[in-house]
Amino acid sequence: MSLVTSFQHPVADAQYSFRRILKALSEPGSLVRLPAVNGFDALGSASTCVLLTLVDQDTPLWISPQLDSDVLRQNLRFHTGALLTKDPTNVSFALAAGSLDSATLLAFPCGDEMSPELATSVVVQVDSLEGGTPLRLQGPGIEQQRIVTMQLPAAVTRYLLNRPHRFPLGLDFLFTCGEQLLAIPRTTRVEAC
């Protein structure tokens, strides 16, 4: 078994991480820095931090084949008790990288009218949070507009620009790179610049 250490100060770091994740979700498009942790295999620090903070035995997690490994699975089970599944149709969280496709995105639960919070939160590890296609964000938590330029998988960009589910349904996205996080929740309107 190849276990990697998690938070240096488990309770304090998890609480701090949770507050930073909430800040990113409540202020879409704002960059936040998460505590530095050792990544699980191919995962960066921020992706690992998000999973350590949010995932547990009651939140099924789907992992894209590009990131899936025995080391990642062992560490997630040990540190979080995560219920790992290969079925994207019944998950609370999804972990992906550049290989995410439209069919998989549409398979993730998007909540329902009575319980929109049952939608999947998709953690996407990207190469950079800058230098990609400019997107204009508007909505709750944004005074007028915010421009972001993450380097996203094409399927994610298409999903954000043409949200296939009517509000309040849809997926929440958490984009990570290094120790940084940027979120675009389902309440945010996204347009190409």
N, C-alpha and C. Protein backbone atom coordinates (compact mmCIF):
# COMPACT_ATOMS: atom_id res chain seq x y z
N MET A 1 0.84 -1.18 0.00
CA MET A 1 0.00 0.00 0.00
C MET A 1 0.88 1.24 0.00
N SER A 2 0.56 2.22 -0.83
CA SER A 2 1.35 3.45 -0.96
C SER A 2 0.57 4.62 -0.41
N LEU A 3 0.58 4.78 0.91
CA LEU A 3 -0.16 5.87 1.52
C LEU A 3 0.65 7.15 1.53
N VAL A 4 -0.06 8.25 1.28
CA VAL A 4 0.52 9.59 1.28
C VAL A 4 -0.09 10.33 2.46
N THR A 5 0.69 11.16 3.12
CA THR A 5 0.13 11.92 4.24
C THR A 5 -0.93 12.89 3.73
N SER A 6 -1.89 13.21 4.61
CA SER A 6 -2.94 14.15 4.22
C SER A 6 -2.61 15.51 4.82
N PHE A 7 -3.60 16.18 5.40
CA PHE A 7 -3.36 17.49 6.01
C PHE A 7 -2.36 17.39 7.14
N GLN A 8 -1.51 18.42 7.27
CA GLN A 8 -0.55 18.45 8.36
C GLN A 8 -1.28 18.59 9.70
N HIS A 9 -2.31 19.44 9.72
CA HIS A 9 -3.16 19.63 10.90
C HIS A 9 -4.59 19.31 10.47
N PRO A 10 -5.00 18.04 10.55
CA PRO A 10 -6.24 17.58 9.92
C PRO A 10 -7.48 18.41 10.20
N VAL A 11 -7.77 18.73 11.45
CA VAL A 11 -9.01 19.46 11.75
C VAL A 11 -8.91 20.91 11.27
N ALA A 12 -7.86 21.60 11.65
CA ALA A 12 -7.71 23.01 11.28
C ALA A 12 -7.61 23.18 9.76
N ASP A 13 -6.83 22.33 9.10
CA ASP A 13 -6.66 22.45 7.65
C ASP A 13 -7.96 22.12 6.91
N ALA A 14 -8.71 21.13 7.38
CA ALA A 14 -9.98 20.79 6.74
C ALA A 14 -10.98 21.93 6.91
N GLN A 15 -11.02 22.54 8.09
CA GLN A 15 -11.92 23.68 8.31
C GLN A 15 -11.53 24.86 7.43
N TYR A 16 -10.24 25.14 7.37
CA TYR A 16 -9.76 26.25 6.54
C TYR A 16 -10.07 25.97 5.07
N SER A 17 -9.83 24.75 4.63
CA SER A 17 -10.11 24.38 3.24
C SER A 17 -11.59 24.54 2.93
N PHE A 18 -12.43 24.11 3.84
CA PHE A 18 -13.88 24.22 3.62
C PHE A 18 -14.29 25.68 3.44
N ARG A 19 -13.75 26.56 4.28
CA ARG A 19 -14.06 27.99 4.15
C ARG A 19 -13.57 28.54 2.82
N ARG A 20 -12.40 28.11 2.37
CA ARG A 20 -11.85 28.60 1.08
C ARG A 20 -12.70 28.07 -0.09
N ILE A 21 -13.13 26.82 -0.01
CA ILE A 21 -13.98 26.25 -1.07
C ILE A 21 -15.31 27.01 -1.12
N LEU A 22 -15.90 27.30 0.05
CA LEU A 22 -17.14 28.08 0.08
C LEU A 22 -16.94 29.47 -0.51
N LYS A 23 -15.80 30.08 -0.23
CA LYS A 23 -15.50 31.40 -0.81
C LYS A 23 -15.45 31.30 -2.33
N ALA A 24 -14.79 30.28 -2.86
CA ALA A 24 -14.71 30.11 -4.32
C ALA A 24 -16.09 29.91 -4.92
N LEU A 25 -16.95 29.13 -4.27
CA LEU A 25 -18.30 28.88 -4.79
C LEU A 25 -19.19 30.11 -4.66
N SER A 26 -19.01 30.90 -3.61
CA SER A 26 -19.86 32.08 -3.41
C SER A 26 -19.37 33.30 -4.20
N GLU A 27 -18.14 33.26 -4.69
CA GLU A 27 -17.60 34.33 -5.53
C GLU A 27 -17.06 33.69 -6.81
N PRO A 28 -17.96 33.23 -7.70
CA PRO A 28 -17.54 32.49 -8.89
C PRO A 28 -16.47 33.23 -9.70
N GLY A 29 -15.48 32.48 -10.12
CA GLY A 29 -14.40 33.04 -10.92
C GLY A 29 -13.26 33.62 -10.13
N SER A 30 -13.40 33.70 -8.81
CA SER A 30 -12.31 34.20 -7.96
C SER A 30 -11.34 33.07 -7.65
N LEU A 31 -10.06 33.38 -7.71
CA LEU A 31 -9.04 32.39 -7.36
C LEU A 31 -8.84 32.35 -5.86
N VAL A 32 -8.81 31.15 -5.30
CA VAL A 32 -8.47 30.99 -3.89
C VAL A 32 -7.33 29.98 -3.79
N ARG A 33 -6.53 30.15 -2.77
CA ARG A 33 -5.42 29.22 -2.52
C ARG A 33 -5.80 28.30 -1.38
N LEU A 34 -5.58 27.01 -1.59
CA LEU A 34 -5.87 26.01 -0.57
C LEU A 34 -4.56 25.60 0.12
N PRO A 35 -4.66 24.98 1.30
CA PRO A 35 -3.43 24.53 1.98
C PRO A 35 -2.63 23.57 1.10
N ALA A 36 -1.33 23.67 1.19
CA ALA A 36 -0.47 22.78 0.43
C ALA A 36 -0.49 21.39 1.06
N VAL A 37 -0.82 20.39 0.25
CA VAL A 37 -0.79 19.00 0.70
C VAL A 37 -0.09 18.18 -0.38
N ASN A 38 0.39 17.01 0.01
CA ASN A 38 0.97 16.10 -0.97
C ASN A 38 -0.16 15.56 -1.84
N GLY A 39 0.01 15.62 -3.14
CA GLY A 39 -1.01 15.09 -4.04
C GLY A 39 -1.03 13.58 -4.02
N PHE A 40 -2.20 13.02 -4.26
CA PHE A 40 -2.34 11.57 -4.37
C PHE A 40 -2.04 11.18 -5.80
N ASP A 41 -0.88 10.61 -6.05
CA ASP A 41 -0.44 10.17 -7.37
C ASP A 41 -0.46 11.33 -8.35
N ALA A 42 -1.33 11.30 -9.39
CA ALA A 42 -1.34 12.35 -10.42
C ALA A 42 -2.12 13.59 -9.99
N LEU A 43 -2.73 13.56 -8.81
CA LEU A 43 -3.50 14.71 -8.36
C LEU A 43 -2.59 15.81 -7.84
N GLY A 44 -2.97 17.04 -8.15
CA GLY A 44 -2.27 18.18 -7.61
C GLY A 44 -2.73 18.46 -6.19
N SER A 45 -2.11 19.41 -5.55
CA SER A 45 -2.40 19.75 -4.17
C SER A 45 -3.86 20.19 -3.99
N ALA A 46 -4.36 21.09 -4.83
CA ALA A 46 -5.72 21.60 -4.66
C ALA A 46 -6.77 20.51 -4.87
N SER A 47 -6.58 19.68 -5.87
CA SER A 47 -7.54 18.58 -6.11
C SER A 47 -7.59 17.65 -4.91
N THR A 48 -6.43 17.30 -4.39
CA THR A 48 -6.35 16.44 -3.22
C THR A 48 -7.02 17.10 -2.02
N CYS A 49 -6.76 18.39 -1.84
CA CYS A 49 -7.34 19.14 -0.73
C CYS A 49 -8.87 19.16 -0.81
N VAL A 50 -9.42 19.39 -2.00
CA VAL A 50 -10.87 19.40 -2.17
C VAL A 50 -11.46 18.04 -1.79
N LEU A 51 -10.84 16.96 -2.26
CA LEU A 51 -11.36 15.62 -1.96
C LEU A 51 -11.24 15.31 -0.47
N LEU A 52 -10.13 15.66 0.15
CA LEU A 52 -9.97 15.42 1.59
C LEU A 52 -11.01 16.18 2.40
N THR A 53 -11.43 17.33 1.90
CA THR A 53 -12.37 18.19 2.62
C THR A 53 -13.83 17.80 2.41
N LEU A 54 -14.19 17.41 1.18
CA LEU A 54 -15.60 17.24 0.84
C LEU A 54 -16.09 15.80 0.69
N VAL A 55 -15.21 14.88 0.37
CA VAL A 55 -15.63 13.52 0.06
C VAL A 55 -15.58 12.64 1.31
N ASP A 56 -16.61 11.80 1.47
CA ASP A 56 -16.63 10.83 2.57
C ASP A 56 -17.40 9.60 2.15
N GLN A 57 -17.70 8.72 3.10
CA GLN A 57 -18.36 7.45 2.79
C GLN A 57 -19.79 7.62 2.31
N ASP A 58 -20.37 8.80 2.44
CA ASP A 58 -21.75 9.05 2.00
C ASP A 58 -21.83 9.80 0.68
N THR A 59 -20.70 10.07 0.05
CA THR A 59 -20.68 10.84 -1.20
C THR A 59 -19.95 10.05 -2.27
N PRO A 60 -20.67 9.27 -3.08
CA PRO A 60 -20.02 8.48 -4.12
C PRO A 60 -19.18 9.35 -5.06
N LEU A 61 -18.01 8.83 -5.42
CA LEU A 61 -17.05 9.56 -6.25
C LEU A 61 -16.72 8.76 -7.50
N TRP A 62 -16.80 9.43 -8.66
CA TRP A 62 -16.39 8.87 -9.94
C TRP A 62 -15.05 9.49 -10.30
N ILE A 63 -14.12 8.68 -10.79
CA ILE A 63 -12.78 9.17 -11.17
C ILE A 63 -12.57 8.88 -12.65
N SER A 64 -12.14 9.90 -13.41
CA SER A 64 -11.89 9.70 -14.84
C SER A 64 -10.73 8.72 -15.02
N PRO A 65 -10.78 7.91 -16.09
CA PRO A 65 -9.70 6.94 -16.33
C PRO A 65 -8.32 7.57 -16.40
N GLN A 66 -8.23 8.81 -16.85
CA GLN A 66 -6.94 9.49 -16.96
C GLN A 66 -6.27 9.68 -15.60
N LEU A 67 -7.05 9.85 -14.55
CA LEU A 67 -6.49 10.07 -13.21
C LEU A 67 -6.54 8.84 -12.32
N ASP A 68 -7.35 7.87 -12.68
CA ASP A 68 -7.56 6.68 -11.84
C ASP A 68 -6.28 5.86 -11.69
N SER A 69 -5.99 5.49 -10.45
CA SER A 69 -4.83 4.63 -10.18
C SER A 69 -5.04 3.94 -8.83
N ASP A 70 -4.30 2.87 -8.60
CA ASP A 70 -4.38 2.17 -7.32
C ASP A 70 -3.95 3.06 -6.17
N VAL A 71 -2.91 3.87 -6.39
CA VAL A 71 -2.42 4.75 -5.33
C VAL A 71 -3.50 5.76 -4.95
N LEU A 72 -4.16 6.36 -5.94
CA LEU A 72 -5.23 7.31 -5.67
C LEU A 72 -6.37 6.64 -4.92
N ARG A 73 -6.81 5.49 -5.38
CA ARG A 73 -7.92 4.78 -4.75
C ARG A 73 -7.58 4.39 -3.30
N GLN A 74 -6.39 3.86 -3.08
CA GLN A 74 -5.98 3.46 -1.72
C GLN A 74 -5.99 4.65 -0.77
N ASN A 75 -5.45 5.78 -1.23
CA ASN A 75 -5.39 6.96 -0.38
C ASN A 75 -6.76 7.56 -0.11
N LEU A 76 -7.61 7.58 -1.13
CA LEU A 76 -8.97 8.09 -0.91
C LEU A 76 -9.74 7.22 0.06
N ARG A 77 -9.63 5.91 -0.09
CA ARG A 77 -10.32 5.01 0.84
C ARG A 77 -9.80 5.18 2.26
N PHE A 78 -8.48 5.27 2.39
CA PHE A 78 -7.87 5.38 3.72
C PHE A 78 -8.20 6.72 4.39
N HIS A 79 -8.02 7.83 3.67
CA HIS A 79 -8.17 9.16 4.28
C HIS A 79 -9.62 9.65 4.34
N THR A 80 -10.48 9.20 3.42
CA THR A 80 -11.84 9.75 3.37
C THR A 80 -12.93 8.70 3.52
N GLY A 81 -12.61 7.45 3.31
CA GLY A 81 -13.63 6.41 3.31
C GLY A 81 -14.53 6.48 2.09
N ALA A 82 -14.07 7.17 1.06
CA ALA A 82 -14.89 7.43 -0.13
C ALA A 82 -15.43 6.16 -0.76
N LEU A 83 -16.67 6.24 -1.20
CA LEU A 83 -17.30 5.18 -1.96
C LEU A 83 -16.98 5.45 -3.43
N LEU A 84 -16.09 4.66 -4.02
CA LEU A 84 -15.65 4.88 -5.39
C LEU A 84 -16.49 4.04 -6.35
N THR A 85 -16.90 4.65 -7.46
CA THR A 85 -17.74 3.95 -8.42
C THR A 85 -17.31 4.30 -9.85
N LYS A 86 -17.56 3.37 -10.76
CA LYS A 86 -17.29 3.62 -12.18
C LYS A 86 -18.56 4.06 -12.90
N ASP A 87 -19.69 4.11 -12.18
CA ASP A 87 -20.97 4.50 -12.74
C ASP A 87 -21.20 6.00 -12.54
N PRO A 88 -21.13 6.82 -13.60
CA PRO A 88 -21.28 8.27 -13.43
C PRO A 88 -22.72 8.71 -13.16
N THR A 89 -23.69 7.81 -13.23
CA THR A 89 -25.09 8.22 -13.10
C THR A 89 -25.57 8.34 -11.66
N ASN A 90 -24.72 7.98 -10.70
CA ASN A 90 -25.15 8.02 -9.31
C ASN A 90 -24.00 8.49 -8.41
N VAL A 91 -23.50 9.70 -8.68
CA VAL A 91 -22.36 10.20 -7.91
C VAL A 91 -22.65 11.59 -7.36
N SER A 92 -22.02 11.89 -6.23
CA SER A 92 -22.08 13.22 -5.65
C SER A 92 -20.93 14.08 -6.15
N PHE A 93 -19.79 13.41 -6.38
CA PHE A 93 -18.59 14.09 -6.86
C PHE A 93 -17.99 13.34 -8.03
N ALA A 94 -17.35 14.09 -8.91
CA ALA A 94 -16.61 13.51 -10.02
C ALA A 94 -15.24 14.19 -10.05
N LEU A 95 -14.23 13.42 -10.38
CA LEU A 95 -12.86 13.92 -10.48
C LEU A 95 -12.38 13.67 -11.90
N ALA A 96 -11.98 14.72 -12.58
CA ALA A 96 -11.61 14.57 -13.99
C ALA A 96 -10.42 15.46 -14.33
N ALA A 97 -9.90 15.18 -15.51
CA ALA A 97 -8.84 16.01 -16.09
C ALA A 97 -9.24 16.30 -17.53
N GLY A 98 -8.30 16.45 -18.42
CA GLY A 98 -8.57 16.85 -19.79
C GLY A 98 -9.37 15.88 -20.62
N SER A 99 -9.58 14.66 -20.14
CA SER A 99 -10.26 13.64 -20.94
C SER A 99 -11.78 13.64 -20.79
N LEU A 100 -12.34 14.56 -20.04
CA LEU A 100 -13.78 14.59 -19.80
C LEU A 100 -14.54 14.84 -21.10
N ASP A 101 -15.57 14.01 -21.36
CA ASP A 101 -16.33 14.16 -22.61
C ASP A 101 -17.79 14.53 -22.31
N SER A 102 -18.51 14.95 -23.35
CA SER A 102 -19.90 15.41 -23.20
C SER A 102 -20.82 14.32 -22.69
N ALA A 103 -20.67 13.10 -23.17
CA ALA A 103 -21.55 12.01 -22.74
C ALA A 103 -21.43 11.77 -21.24
N THR A 104 -20.22 11.82 -20.72
CA THR A 104 -20.02 11.62 -19.28
C THR A 104 -20.62 12.78 -18.50
N LEU A 105 -20.39 14.02 -18.96
CA LEU A 105 -20.97 15.18 -18.28
C LEU A 105 -22.49 15.07 -18.19
N LEU A 106 -23.11 14.65 -19.27
CA LEU A 106 -24.57 14.54 -19.29
C LEU A 106 -25.07 13.35 -18.46
N ALA A 107 -24.20 12.40 -18.18
CA ALA A 107 -24.59 11.25 -17.35
C ALA A 107 -24.61 11.60 -15.86
N PHE A 108 -23.84 12.61 -15.44
CA PHE A 108 -23.79 12.98 -14.03
C PHE A 108 -25.16 13.49 -13.58
N PRO A 109 -25.58 13.16 -12.36
CA PRO A 109 -26.85 13.68 -11.85
C PRO A 109 -26.82 15.22 -11.80
N CYS A 110 -27.94 15.82 -12.21
CA CYS A 110 -28.03 17.29 -12.22
C CYS A 110 -29.03 17.79 -11.18
N GLY A 111 -29.45 16.92 -10.25
CA GLY A 111 -30.44 17.29 -9.25
C GLY A 111 -31.84 17.23 -9.84
N ASP A 112 -32.81 17.62 -9.06
CA ASP A 112 -34.17 17.72 -9.57
C ASP A 112 -34.82 18.96 -8.98
N GLU A 113 -36.02 19.27 -9.41
CA GLU A 113 -36.69 20.52 -9.01
C GLU A 113 -36.79 20.65 -7.48
N MET A 114 -37.07 19.55 -6.81
CA MET A 114 -37.22 19.59 -5.36
C MET A 114 -35.89 19.52 -4.61
N SER A 115 -34.87 18.95 -5.24
CA SER A 115 -33.56 18.80 -4.59
C SER A 115 -32.42 19.08 -5.56
N PRO A 116 -32.26 20.34 -5.98
CA PRO A 116 -31.19 20.65 -6.92
C PRO A 116 -29.80 20.42 -6.34
N GLU A 117 -29.72 20.39 -5.00
CA GLU A 117 -28.42 20.17 -4.35
C GLU A 117 -27.89 18.76 -4.54
N LEU A 118 -28.69 17.88 -5.09
CA LEU A 118 -28.25 16.51 -5.35
C LEU A 118 -27.44 16.40 -6.65
N ALA A 119 -27.15 17.53 -7.26
CA ALA A 119 -26.35 17.55 -8.48
C ALA A 119 -24.90 17.17 -8.16
N THR A 120 -24.21 16.70 -9.17
CA THR A 120 -22.79 16.35 -9.02
C THR A 120 -21.92 17.59 -8.98
N SER A 121 -20.95 17.59 -8.11
CA SER A 121 -19.90 18.61 -8.10
C SER A 121 -18.71 17.99 -8.83
N VAL A 122 -18.29 18.65 -9.91
CA VAL A 122 -17.25 18.11 -10.77
C VAL A 122 -15.94 18.85 -10.49
N VAL A 123 -14.95 18.11 -10.00
CA VAL A 123 -13.61 18.67 -9.76
C VAL A 123 -12.79 18.38 -11.01
N VAL A 124 -12.37 19.45 -11.68
CA VAL A 124 -11.60 19.30 -12.92
C VAL A 124 -10.20 19.85 -12.69
N GLN A 125 -9.22 18.97 -12.78
CA GLN A 125 -7.83 19.40 -12.65
C GLN A 125 -7.35 19.85 -14.03
N VAL A 126 -6.97 21.13 -14.12
CA VAL A 126 -6.56 21.71 -15.41
C VAL A 126 -5.07 22.04 -15.38
N ASP A 127 -4.50 22.22 -16.57
CA ASP A 127 -3.08 22.55 -16.68
C ASP A 127 -2.79 23.97 -16.24
N SER A 128 -3.77 24.87 -16.44
CA SER A 128 -3.58 26.27 -16.07
C SER A 128 -4.93 26.93 -15.86
N LEU A 129 -4.96 27.88 -14.94
CA LEU A 129 -6.17 28.68 -14.72
C LEU A 129 -6.09 29.98 -15.50
N GLU A 130 -5.13 30.06 -16.43
CA GLU A 130 -4.96 31.23 -17.29
C GLU A 130 -4.60 30.75 -18.69
N GLY A 131 -4.75 31.65 -19.67
CA GLY A 131 -4.29 31.36 -21.02
C GLY A 131 -5.24 30.58 -21.89
N GLY A 132 -6.46 30.34 -21.43
CA GLY A 132 -7.45 29.62 -22.22
C GLY A 132 -8.45 30.58 -22.85
N THR A 133 -9.53 30.04 -23.35
CA THR A 133 -10.60 30.83 -23.96
C THR A 133 -11.24 31.73 -22.90
N PRO A 134 -11.32 33.04 -23.15
CA PRO A 134 -11.95 33.94 -22.17
C PRO A 134 -13.46 33.67 -22.06
N LEU A 135 -13.92 33.59 -20.83
CA LEU A 135 -15.34 33.39 -20.54
C LEU A 135 -15.81 34.50 -19.60
N ARG A 136 -16.99 35.04 -19.86
CA ARG A 136 -17.58 36.08 -19.02
C ARG A 136 -18.57 35.41 -18.06
N LEU A 137 -18.39 35.68 -16.77
CA LEU A 137 -19.27 35.12 -15.74
C LEU A 137 -20.14 36.23 -15.17
N GLN A 138 -21.42 35.91 -14.96
CA GLN A 138 -22.36 36.84 -14.33
C GLN A 138 -23.29 36.04 -13.44
N GLY A 139 -23.81 36.71 -12.42
CA GLY A 139 -24.76 36.03 -11.54
C GLY A 139 -24.45 36.29 -10.08
N PRO A 140 -25.07 35.52 -9.19
CA PRO A 140 -24.87 35.71 -7.75
C PRO A 140 -23.39 35.61 -7.36
N GLY A 141 -22.97 36.54 -6.51
CA GLY A 141 -21.59 36.56 -6.04
C GLY A 141 -20.64 37.35 -6.94
N ILE A 142 -21.17 37.89 -8.04
CA ILE A 142 -20.35 38.67 -8.97
C ILE A 142 -21.02 40.03 -9.12
N GLU A 143 -20.29 41.12 -8.80
CA GLU A 143 -20.91 42.44 -8.81
C GLU A 143 -21.47 42.79 -10.19
N GLN A 144 -20.67 42.73 -11.23
CA GLN A 144 -21.17 42.99 -12.58
C GLN A 144 -20.83 41.82 -13.50
N GLN A 145 -19.53 41.60 -13.67
CA GLN A 145 -19.07 40.47 -14.46
C GLN A 145 -17.65 40.13 -14.05
N ARG A 146 -17.23 38.94 -14.37
CA ARG A 146 -15.86 38.51 -14.10
C ARG A 146 -15.41 37.70 -15.31
N ILE A 147 -14.19 37.95 -15.79
CA ILE A 147 -13.63 37.24 -16.93
C ILE A 147 -12.63 36.21 -16.42
N VAL A 148 -12.77 34.96 -16.88
CA VAL A 148 -11.82 33.90 -16.52
C VAL A 148 -11.26 33.29 -17.80
N THR A 149 -10.07 32.70 -17.71
CA THR A 149 -9.41 32.16 -18.91
C THR A 149 -8.77 30.81 -18.63
N MET A 150 -9.48 29.91 -17.93
CA MET A 150 -8.91 28.59 -17.66
C MET A 150 -8.74 27.81 -18.95
N GLN A 151 -7.79 26.88 -18.94
CA GLN A 151 -7.61 25.96 -20.07
C GLN A 151 -8.47 24.73 -19.79
N LEU A 152 -9.68 24.73 -20.36
CA LEU A 152 -10.67 23.71 -20.06
C LEU A 152 -10.77 22.65 -21.14
N PRO A 153 -11.19 21.44 -20.77
CA PRO A 153 -11.55 20.45 -21.79
C PRO A 153 -12.69 21.03 -22.64
N ALA A 154 -12.68 20.74 -23.93
CA ALA A 154 -13.69 21.29 -24.85
C ALA A 154 -15.11 20.96 -24.40
N ALA A 155 -15.33 19.76 -23.88
CA ALA A 155 -16.67 19.36 -23.45
C ALA A 155 -17.16 20.22 -22.29
N VAL A 156 -16.26 20.61 -21.40
CA VAL A 156 -16.65 21.45 -20.26
C VAL A 156 -17.01 22.84 -20.74
N THR A 157 -16.22 23.39 -21.66
CA THR A 157 -16.54 24.71 -22.22
C THR A 157 -17.91 24.68 -22.88
N ARG A 158 -18.18 23.66 -23.69
CA ARG A 158 -19.49 23.55 -24.34
C ARG A 158 -20.61 23.45 -23.31
N TYR A 159 -20.40 22.67 -22.26
CA TYR A 159 -21.41 22.52 -21.22
C TYR A 159 -21.71 23.88 -20.57
N LEU A 160 -20.66 24.61 -20.20
CA LEU A 160 -20.85 25.89 -19.52
C LEU A 160 -21.55 26.91 -20.41
N LEU A 161 -21.22 26.93 -21.69
CA LEU A 161 -21.82 27.90 -22.61
C LEU A 161 -23.25 27.54 -23.00
N ASN A 162 -23.58 26.26 -23.00
CA ASN A 162 -24.90 25.80 -23.44
C ASN A 162 -25.52 24.90 -22.39
N ARG A 163 -25.65 25.38 -21.19
CA ARG A 163 -26.14 24.55 -20.09
C ARG A 163 -27.39 23.78 -20.52
N PRO A 164 -27.31 22.45 -20.54
CA PRO A 164 -28.42 21.64 -21.04
C PRO A 164 -29.57 21.47 -20.04
N HIS A 165 -29.37 21.89 -18.79
CA HIS A 165 -30.40 21.74 -17.77
C HIS A 165 -30.93 23.12 -17.39
N ARG A 166 -32.24 23.22 -17.19
CA ARG A 166 -32.80 24.52 -16.79
C ARG A 166 -32.56 24.74 -15.29
N PHE A 167 -32.33 25.99 -14.94
CA PHE A 167 -32.08 26.37 -13.56
C PHE A 167 -33.27 25.93 -12.70
N PRO A 168 -33.08 25.40 -11.51
CA PRO A 168 -31.86 25.36 -10.71
C PRO A 168 -31.04 24.07 -10.87
N LEU A 169 -31.31 23.30 -11.92
CA LEU A 169 -30.58 22.06 -12.13
C LEU A 169 -29.24 22.35 -12.78
N GLY A 170 -28.32 21.40 -12.69
CA GLY A 170 -27.03 21.54 -13.36
C GLY A 170 -25.88 21.12 -12.48
N LEU A 171 -24.71 21.13 -13.06
CA LEU A 171 -23.49 20.71 -12.38
C LEU A 171 -22.74 21.91 -11.82
N ASP A 172 -22.10 21.70 -10.68
CA ASP A 172 -21.19 22.70 -10.10
C ASP A 172 -19.78 22.28 -10.46
N PHE A 173 -18.95 23.23 -10.87
CA PHE A 173 -17.57 22.92 -11.27
C PHE A 173 -16.57 23.57 -10.33
N LEU A 174 -15.56 22.79 -9.95
CA LEU A 174 -14.43 23.25 -9.16
C LEU A 174 -13.18 22.97 -9.98
N PHE A 175 -12.52 24.02 -10.46
CA PHE A 175 -11.33 23.87 -11.30
C PHE A 175 -10.10 24.07 -10.44
N THR A 176 -9.15 23.13 -10.52
CA THR A 176 -7.95 23.19 -9.70
C THR A 176 -6.69 23.18 -10.55
N CYS A 177 -5.69 23.83 -10.03
CA CYS A 177 -4.35 23.81 -10.65
C CYS A 177 -3.36 24.16 -9.55
N GLY A 178 -2.39 23.28 -9.33
CA GLY A 178 -1.44 23.51 -8.24
C GLY A 178 -2.17 23.59 -6.92
N GLU A 179 -2.00 24.71 -6.20
CA GLU A 179 -2.68 24.93 -4.92
C GLU A 179 -3.90 25.83 -5.07
N GLN A 180 -4.27 26.18 -6.32
CA GLN A 180 -5.35 27.14 -6.54
C GLN A 180 -6.65 26.47 -6.98
N LEU A 181 -7.74 27.15 -6.66
CA LEU A 181 -9.09 26.68 -6.96
C LEU A 181 -9.90 27.85 -7.50
N LEU A 182 -10.72 27.56 -8.51
CA LEU A 182 -11.66 28.52 -9.07
C LEU A 182 -12.96 27.75 -9.31
N ALA A 183 -14.09 28.30 -8.88
CA ALA A 183 -15.36 27.58 -9.00
C ALA A 183 -16.33 28.30 -9.91
N ILE A 184 -17.15 27.51 -10.62
CA ILE A 184 -18.27 28.03 -11.39
C ILE A 184 -19.48 27.16 -11.03
N PRO A 185 -20.31 27.65 -10.08
CA PRO A 185 -21.50 26.88 -9.70
C PRO A 185 -22.59 26.98 -10.75
N ARG A 186 -23.63 26.19 -10.59
CA ARG A 186 -24.71 26.13 -11.57
C ARG A 186 -25.52 27.42 -11.63
N THR A 187 -25.37 28.30 -10.63
CA THR A 187 -26.09 29.58 -10.61
C THR A 187 -25.44 30.64 -11.48
N THR A 188 -24.26 30.36 -12.02
CA THR A 188 -23.50 31.34 -12.79
C THR A 188 -23.80 31.24 -14.28
N ARG A 189 -24.08 32.39 -14.89
CA ARG A 189 -24.26 32.44 -16.34
C ARG A 189 -22.89 32.61 -17.00
N VAL A 190 -22.63 31.85 -18.03
CA VAL A 190 -21.33 31.87 -18.69
C VAL A 190 -21.55 32.20 -20.17
N GLU A 191 -20.76 33.16 -20.68
CA GLU A 191 -20.80 33.55 -22.09
C GLU A 191 -19.38 33.60 -22.62
N ALA A 192 -19.23 33.38 -23.92
CA ALA A 192 -17.92 33.55 -24.57
C ALA A 192 -17.67 35.06 -24.71
N CYS A 193 -16.44 35.49 -24.53
CA CYS A 193 -16.09 36.91 -24.69
C CYS A 193 -15.81 37.21 -26.16
